[in-house]
C-alpha atoms as a PDB file:
ATOM      1  CA  MET A   1     -72.234 -14.726  41.407  1.00  0.00           C
ATOM      2  CA  ASP A   2     -74.037 -17.540  41.455  1.00  0.00           C
ATOM      3  CA  TYR A   3     -76.503 -18.493  38.399  1.00  0.00           C
ATOM      4  CA  LYS A   4     -79.638 -17.889  40.544  1.00  0.00           C
ATOM      5  CA  ASP A   5     -78.102 -14.187  41.436  1.00  0.00           C
ATOM      6  CA  ILE A   6     -77.546 -13.655  36.661  1.00  0.00           C
ATOM      7  CA  LYS A   7     -80.782 -15.446  36.288  1.00  0.00           C
ATOM      8  CA  LYS A   8     -82.434 -12.491  38.711  1.00  0.00           C
ATOM      9  CA  LEU A   9     -80.493 -10.002  36.906  1.00  0.00           C
ATOM     10  CA  MET A  10     -81.887 -10.975  33.613  1.00  0.00           C
ATOM     11  CA  ASP A  11     -85.246 -11.245  34.405  1.00  0.00           C
ATOM     12  CA  ASP A  12     -84.920  -7.686  36.259  1.00  0.00           C
ATOM     13  CA  MET A  13     -83.439  -5.942  32.996  1.00  0.00           C
ATOM     14  CA  GLY A  14     -86.522  -7.443  30.682  1.00  0.00           C
ATOM     15  CA  ASN A  15     -89.137  -6.278  33.209  1.00  0.00           C
ATOM     16  CA  SER A  16     -87.021  -2.846  32.861  1.00  0.00           C
ATOM     17  CA  LYS A  17     -86.623  -0.427  30.114  1.00  0.00           C
ATOM     18  CA  LEU A  18     -83.528   0.012  29.878  1.00  0.00           C
ATOM     19  CA  ASP A  19     -81.880  -1.288  26.608  1.00  0.00           C
ATOM     20  CA  SER A  20     -78.097  -1.949  27.685  1.00  0.00           C
ATOM     21  CA  LEU A  21     -76.575  -2.937  31.329  1.00  0.00           C
ATOM     22  CA  GLU A  22     -72.786  -3.105  31.755  1.00  0.00           C
ATOM     23  CA  ILE A  23     -71.977  -4.485  35.838  1.00  0.00           C
ATOM     24  CA  GLU A  24     -68.508  -4.437  37.175  1.00  0.00           C
ATOM     25  CA  PHE A  25     -68.267  -6.055  40.908  1.00  0.00           C
ATOM     26  CA  PRO A  26     -64.758  -5.368  42.737  1.00  0.00           C
ATOM     27  CA  GLU A  27     -64.140  -9.157  42.089  1.00  0.00           C
ATOM     28  CA  GLY A  28     -63.175  -8.852  39.132  1.00  0.00           C
ATOM     29  CA  ILE A  29     -66.620  -9.802  37.335  1.00  0.00           C
ATOM     30  CA  LYS A  30     -67.955  -8.407  34.676  1.00  0.00           C
ATOM     31  CA  ILE A  31     -71.933  -8.626  33.214  1.00  0.00           C
ATOM     32  CA  SER A  32     -73.235  -7.083  29.698  1.00  0.00           C
ATOM     33  CA  MET A  33     -76.235  -6.601  28.944  1.00  0.00           C
ATOM     34  CA  LYS A  34     -77.897  -6.159  25.608  1.00  0.00           C
ATOM     35  CA  LYS A  35     -81.560  -6.047  24.693  1.00  0.00           C
ATOM     36  CA  ASN A  36     -83.365  -6.521  20.964  1.00  0.00           C
ATOM     37  CA  THR A  37     -86.059  -4.540  21.339  1.00  0.00           C
ATOM     38  CA  ASN A  38     -88.234  -4.163  18.584  1.00  0.00           C
ATOM     39  CA  LYS A  39     -90.433  -1.803  17.874  1.00  0.00           C
ATOM     40  CA  GLU A  40     -94.127  -1.509  17.693  1.00  0.00           C
ATOM     41  CA  VAL A  41     -95.898   0.951  15.410  1.00  0.00           C
ATOM     42  CA  ILE A  42     -98.942   1.640  16.334  1.00  0.00           C
ATOM     43  CA  ILE A  43    -101.810   2.550  13.318  1.00  0.00           C
ATOM     44  CA  THR A  44    -105.173   3.058  13.945  1.00  0.00           C
ATOM     45  CA  ASN A  45    -107.689   2.232  11.818  1.00  0.00           C
ATOM     46  CA  GLN A  46    -105.464   1.976   8.740  1.00  0.00           C
ATOM     47  CA  ALA A  47    -106.044  -0.970   5.792  1.00  0.00           C
ATOM     48  CA  PRO A  48    -102.042  -2.670   5.827  1.00  0.00           C
ATOM     49  CA  ASN A  49    -100.117  -1.181   2.681  1.00  0.00           C
ATOM     50  CA  ILE A  50     -98.943  -3.842  -0.128  1.00  0.00           C
ATOM     51  CA  ILE A  51     -95.512  -3.670  -0.961  1.00  0.00           C
ATOM     52  CA  GLU A  52     -94.234  -5.500  -3.831  1.00  0.00           C
ATOM     53  CA  GLY A  53     -91.189  -6.709  -5.198  1.00  0.00           C
ATOM     54  CA  SER A  54     -88.705  -9.446  -4.855  1.00  0.00           C
ATOM     55  CA  ALA A  55     -86.448  -7.994  -2.430  1.00  0.00           C
ATOM     56  CA  PRO A  56     -86.554  -9.552   1.312  1.00  0.00           C
ATOM     57  CA  LEU A  57     -89.160  -7.183   3.579  1.00  0.00           C
ATOM     58  CA  THR A  58     -88.754  -6.580   7.739  1.00  0.00           C
ATOM     59  CA  VAL A  59     -91.957  -6.073   9.059  1.00  0.00           C
ATOM     60  CA  PRO A  60     -92.110  -3.550  12.249  1.00  0.00           C
ATOM     61  CA  VAL A  61     -94.750  -5.255  14.859  1.00  0.00           C
ATOM     62  CA  VAL A  62     -97.943  -4.002  14.314  1.00  0.00           C
ATOM     63  CA  LYS A  63    -100.477  -3.031  16.914  1.00  0.00           C
ATOM     64  CA  GLU A  64    -104.119  -1.152  15.935  1.00  0.00           C
ATOM     65  CA  GLN A  65    -105.287   0.885  18.674  1.00  0.00           C
ATOM     66  CA  LYS A  66    -108.614   0.685  19.740  1.00  0.00           C
ATOM     67  CA  GLU A  67    -110.892   3.714  20.467  1.00  0.00           C
ATOM     68  CA  LYS A  68    -111.450   4.583  24.044  1.00  0.00           C
ATOM     69  CA  SER A  69    -115.043   5.424  25.064  1.00  0.00           C
ATOM     70  CA  LEU A  70    -116.144   8.809  26.979  1.00  0.00           C
ATOM     71  CA  VAL A  71    -116.127   8.273  30.813  1.00  0.00           C
ATOM     72  CA  LYS A  72    -118.306  10.883  32.528  1.00  0.00           C
ATOM     73  CA  VAL A  73    -115.498  11.938  35.598  1.00  0.00           C
ATOM     74  CA  ASP A  74    -117.086  13.482  39.189  1.00  0.00           C
ATOM     75  CA  GLN A  75    -115.518  16.717  40.072  1.00  0.00           C
ATOM     76  CA  LYS A  76    -115.245  15.686  43.601  1.00  0.00           C
ATOM     77  CA  GLU A  77    -113.135  12.341  42.017  1.00  0.00           C
ATOM     78  CA  MET A  78    -110.894  14.336  40.035  1.00  0.00           C
ATOM     79  CA  GLN A  79    -110.333  16.730  42.808  1.00  0.00           C
ATOM     80  CA  ASP A  80    -110.051  14.824  45.338  1.00  0.00           C
ATOM     81  CA  GLU A  81    -107.202  12.368  42.858  1.00  0.00           C
ATOM     82  CA  GLU A  82    -105.279  15.563  42.926  1.00  0.00           C
ATOM     83  CA  ASN A  83    -105.231  15.413  46.362  1.00  0.00           C
ATOM     84  CA  LEU A  84    -103.905  12.560  46.631  1.00  0.00           C
ATOM     85  CA  LYS A  85     -99.168  12.597  48.006  1.00  0.00           C
ATOM     86  CA  ILE A  86     -97.690   9.748  45.800  1.00  0.00           C
ATOM     87  CA  ILE A  87     -95.077   7.393  46.840  1.00  0.00           C
ATOM     88  CA  LYS A  88     -93.210   6.504  43.721  1.00  0.00           C
ATOM     89  CA  SER A  89     -90.196   4.036  43.530  1.00  0.00           C
ATOM     90  CA  PRO A  90     -86.961   5.773  43.553  1.00  0.00           C
ATOM     91  CA  MET A  91     -85.383   2.741  41.371  1.00  0.00           C
ATOM     92  CA  VAL A  92     -86.201  -0.364  39.734  1.00  0.00           C
ATOM     93  CA  GLY A  93     -86.311  -3.640  42.088  1.00  0.00           C
ATOM     94  CA  THR A  94     -88.613  -5.627  43.862  1.00  0.00           C
ATOM     95  CA  PHE A  95     -91.591  -4.190  46.004  1.00  0.00           C
ATOM     96  CA  TYR A  96     -92.246  -5.980  49.018  1.00  0.00           C
ATOM     97  CA  ALA A  97     -95.071  -4.906  52.272  1.00  0.00           C
ATOM     98  CA  SER A  98     -93.006  -6.169  55.000  1.00  0.00           C
ATOM     99  CA  SER A  99     -89.517  -6.633  56.851  1.00  0.00           C
ATOM    100  CA  ALA A 100     -89.755 -10.491  56.575  1.00  0.00           C
ATOM    101  CA  PRO A 101     -92.710 -13.233  54.773  1.00  0.00           C
ATOM    102  CA  ASN A 102     -93.657 -14.057  58.285  1.00  0.00           C
ATOM    103  CA  LYS A 103     -93.632 -10.145  59.173  1.00  0.00           C
ATOM    104  CA  PRO A 104     -97.406  -8.299  59.566  1.00  0.00           C
ATOM    105  CA  PRO A 105     -96.700  -4.870  56.523  1.00  0.00           C
ATOM    106  CA  PHE A 106     -95.355  -1.909  57.105  1.00  0.00           C
ATOM    107  CA  VAL A 107     -98.668   0.146  56.548  1.00  0.00           C
ATOM    108  CA  LYS A 108    -102.122  -0.681  55.733  1.00  0.00           C
ATOM    109  CA  LEU A 109    -105.183   0.195  54.046  1.00  0.00           C
ATOM    110  CA  GLY A 110    -106.829   3.378  56.307  1.00  0.00           C
ATOM    111  CA  ASP A 111    -102.889   3.545  58.569  1.00  0.00           C
ATOM    112  CA  LYS A 112    -102.008   7.049  59.508  1.00  0.00           C
ATOM    113  CA  VAL A 113     -98.070   7.421  58.038  1.00  0.00           C
ATOM    114  CA  LYS A 114     -95.758  10.132  58.820  1.00  0.00           C
ATOM    115  CA  LYS A 115     -93.008  11.711  57.051  1.00  0.00           C
ATOM    116  CA  GLY A 116     -90.026   9.557  57.252  1.00  0.00           C
ATOM    117  CA  GLN A 117     -91.901   6.837  58.291  1.00  0.00           C
ATOM    118  CA  VAL A 118     -90.698   2.920  56.364  1.00  0.00           C
ATOM    119  CA  VAL A 119     -93.476   2.052  54.110  1.00  0.00           C
ATOM    120  CA  CYS A 120     -91.767  -0.747  52.122  1.00  0.00           C
ATOM    121  CA  ILE A 121     -88.754  -2.450  50.812  1.00  0.00           C
ATOM    122  CA  VAL A 122     -88.197  -2.199  47.209  1.00  0.00           C
ATOM    123  CA  GLU A 123     -84.549  -4.876  46.423  1.00  0.00           C
ATOM    124  CA  ALA A 124     -82.654  -4.046  43.745  1.00  0.00           C
ATOM    125  CA  MET A 125     -79.595  -6.218  43.037  1.00  0.00           C
ATOM    126  CA  LYS A 126     -80.022  -8.033  46.244  1.00  0.00           C
ATOM    127  CA  LEU A 127     -79.824  -5.303  48.499  1.00  0.00           C
ATOM    128  CA  MET A 128     -82.828  -4.273  50.633  1.00  0.00           C
ATOM    129  CA  ASN A 129     -83.672   0.070  50.373  1.00  0.00           C
ATOM    130  CA  GLU A 130     -86.226   1.270  52.722  1.00  0.00           C
ATOM    131  CA  ILE A 131     -88.388   3.428  51.783  1.00  0.00           C
ATOM    132  CA  GLU A 132     -89.719   6.117  53.482  1.00  0.00           C
ATOM    133  CA  SER A 133     -92.238   8.477  53.410  1.00  0.00           C
ATOM    134  CA  GLU A 134     -92.090  12.048  52.294  1.00  0.00           C
ATOM    135  CA  PHE A 135     -95.319  12.562  53.345  1.00  0.00           C
ATOM    136  CA  ASP A 136     -98.275  13.107  56.798  1.00  0.00           C
ATOM    137  CA  GLY A 137    -101.385  11.005  55.445  1.00  0.00           C
ATOM    138  CA  GLU A 138    -104.155   8.354  55.317  1.00  0.00           C
ATOM    139  CA  VAL A 139    -102.980   5.555  53.360  1.00  0.00           C
ATOM    140  CA  VAL A 140    -105.477   5.174  50.668  1.00  0.00           C
ATOM    141  CA  GLU A 141    -104.184   2.942  47.912  1.00  0.00           C
ATOM    142  CA  ILE A 142    -101.425   0.581  48.312  1.00  0.00           C
ATOM    143  CA  CYS A 143    -100.653   0.741  44.252  1.00  0.00           C
ATOM    144  CA  VAL A 144     -98.260  -2.674  44.091  1.00  0.00           C
ATOM    145  CA  ASN A 145     -98.393  -6.152  45.602  1.00  0.00           C
ATOM    146  CA  ASN A 146     -96.045  -7.799  47.195  1.00  0.00           C
ATOM    147  CA  GLU A 147     -93.312  -8.967  45.254  1.00  0.00           C
ATOM    148  CA  ASP A 148     -93.917  -7.100  42.422  1.00  0.00           C
ATOM    149  CA  ILE A 149     -91.272  -5.923  40.093  1.00  0.00           C
ATOM    150  CA  VAL A 150     -91.767  -2.573  39.813  1.00  0.00           C
ATOM    151  CA  GLU A 151     -90.123   0.212  37.721  1.00  0.00           C
ATOM    152  CA  TYR A 152     -88.338   3.480  37.809  1.00  0.00           C
ATOM    153  CA  GLY A 153     -91.265   6.326  38.810  1.00  0.00           C
ATOM    154  CA  LYS A 154     -93.772   3.453  39.644  1.00  0.00           C
ATOM    155  CA  PRO A 155     -96.553   4.561  42.409  1.00  0.00           C
ATOM    156  CA  LEU A 156     -96.263   2.167  45.218  1.00  0.00           C
ATOM    157  CA  ILE A 157     -98.553   3.820  47.668  1.00  0.00           C
ATOM    158  CA  LYS A 158    -101.327   6.812  47.164  1.00  0.00           C
ATOM    159  CA  LEU A 159    -101.826   8.960  50.507  1.00  0.00           C
ATOM    160  CA  LYS A 160    -104.118  11.572  51.175  1.00  0.00           C
END
């Protein structure tokens, strides 16, 4: 395993929700990674508390959450959203729309897709995993861009 592979693995680990990872390869190489994550505390419209004292103080990361405005949703749009079938990523990896950079994408907007048809590739640890459609339908949205890092369960393609 060379530096480039290890760097890619570290980047993928940093972008994932995993806190630790241990891998042992048949060649005897062992890789162990742990991520220190600061837990976030969300406070809505409250003044910060003042604490007095001489002991050192560890302060959590604080984000202020803005109120969201209500948006009217058309009933037809809601029904259309409910009727969509979503192809989700089965793993953490890199999304590829085609089999090679100079090849056309597996699917594009408006294409008809059959169950079992390859719709994209998710690369995980240098393995190219063909993702097949679980449904018949028409592609109405491709949710990620080529070469985006995807998480487990992230929507990739929506079918109608």
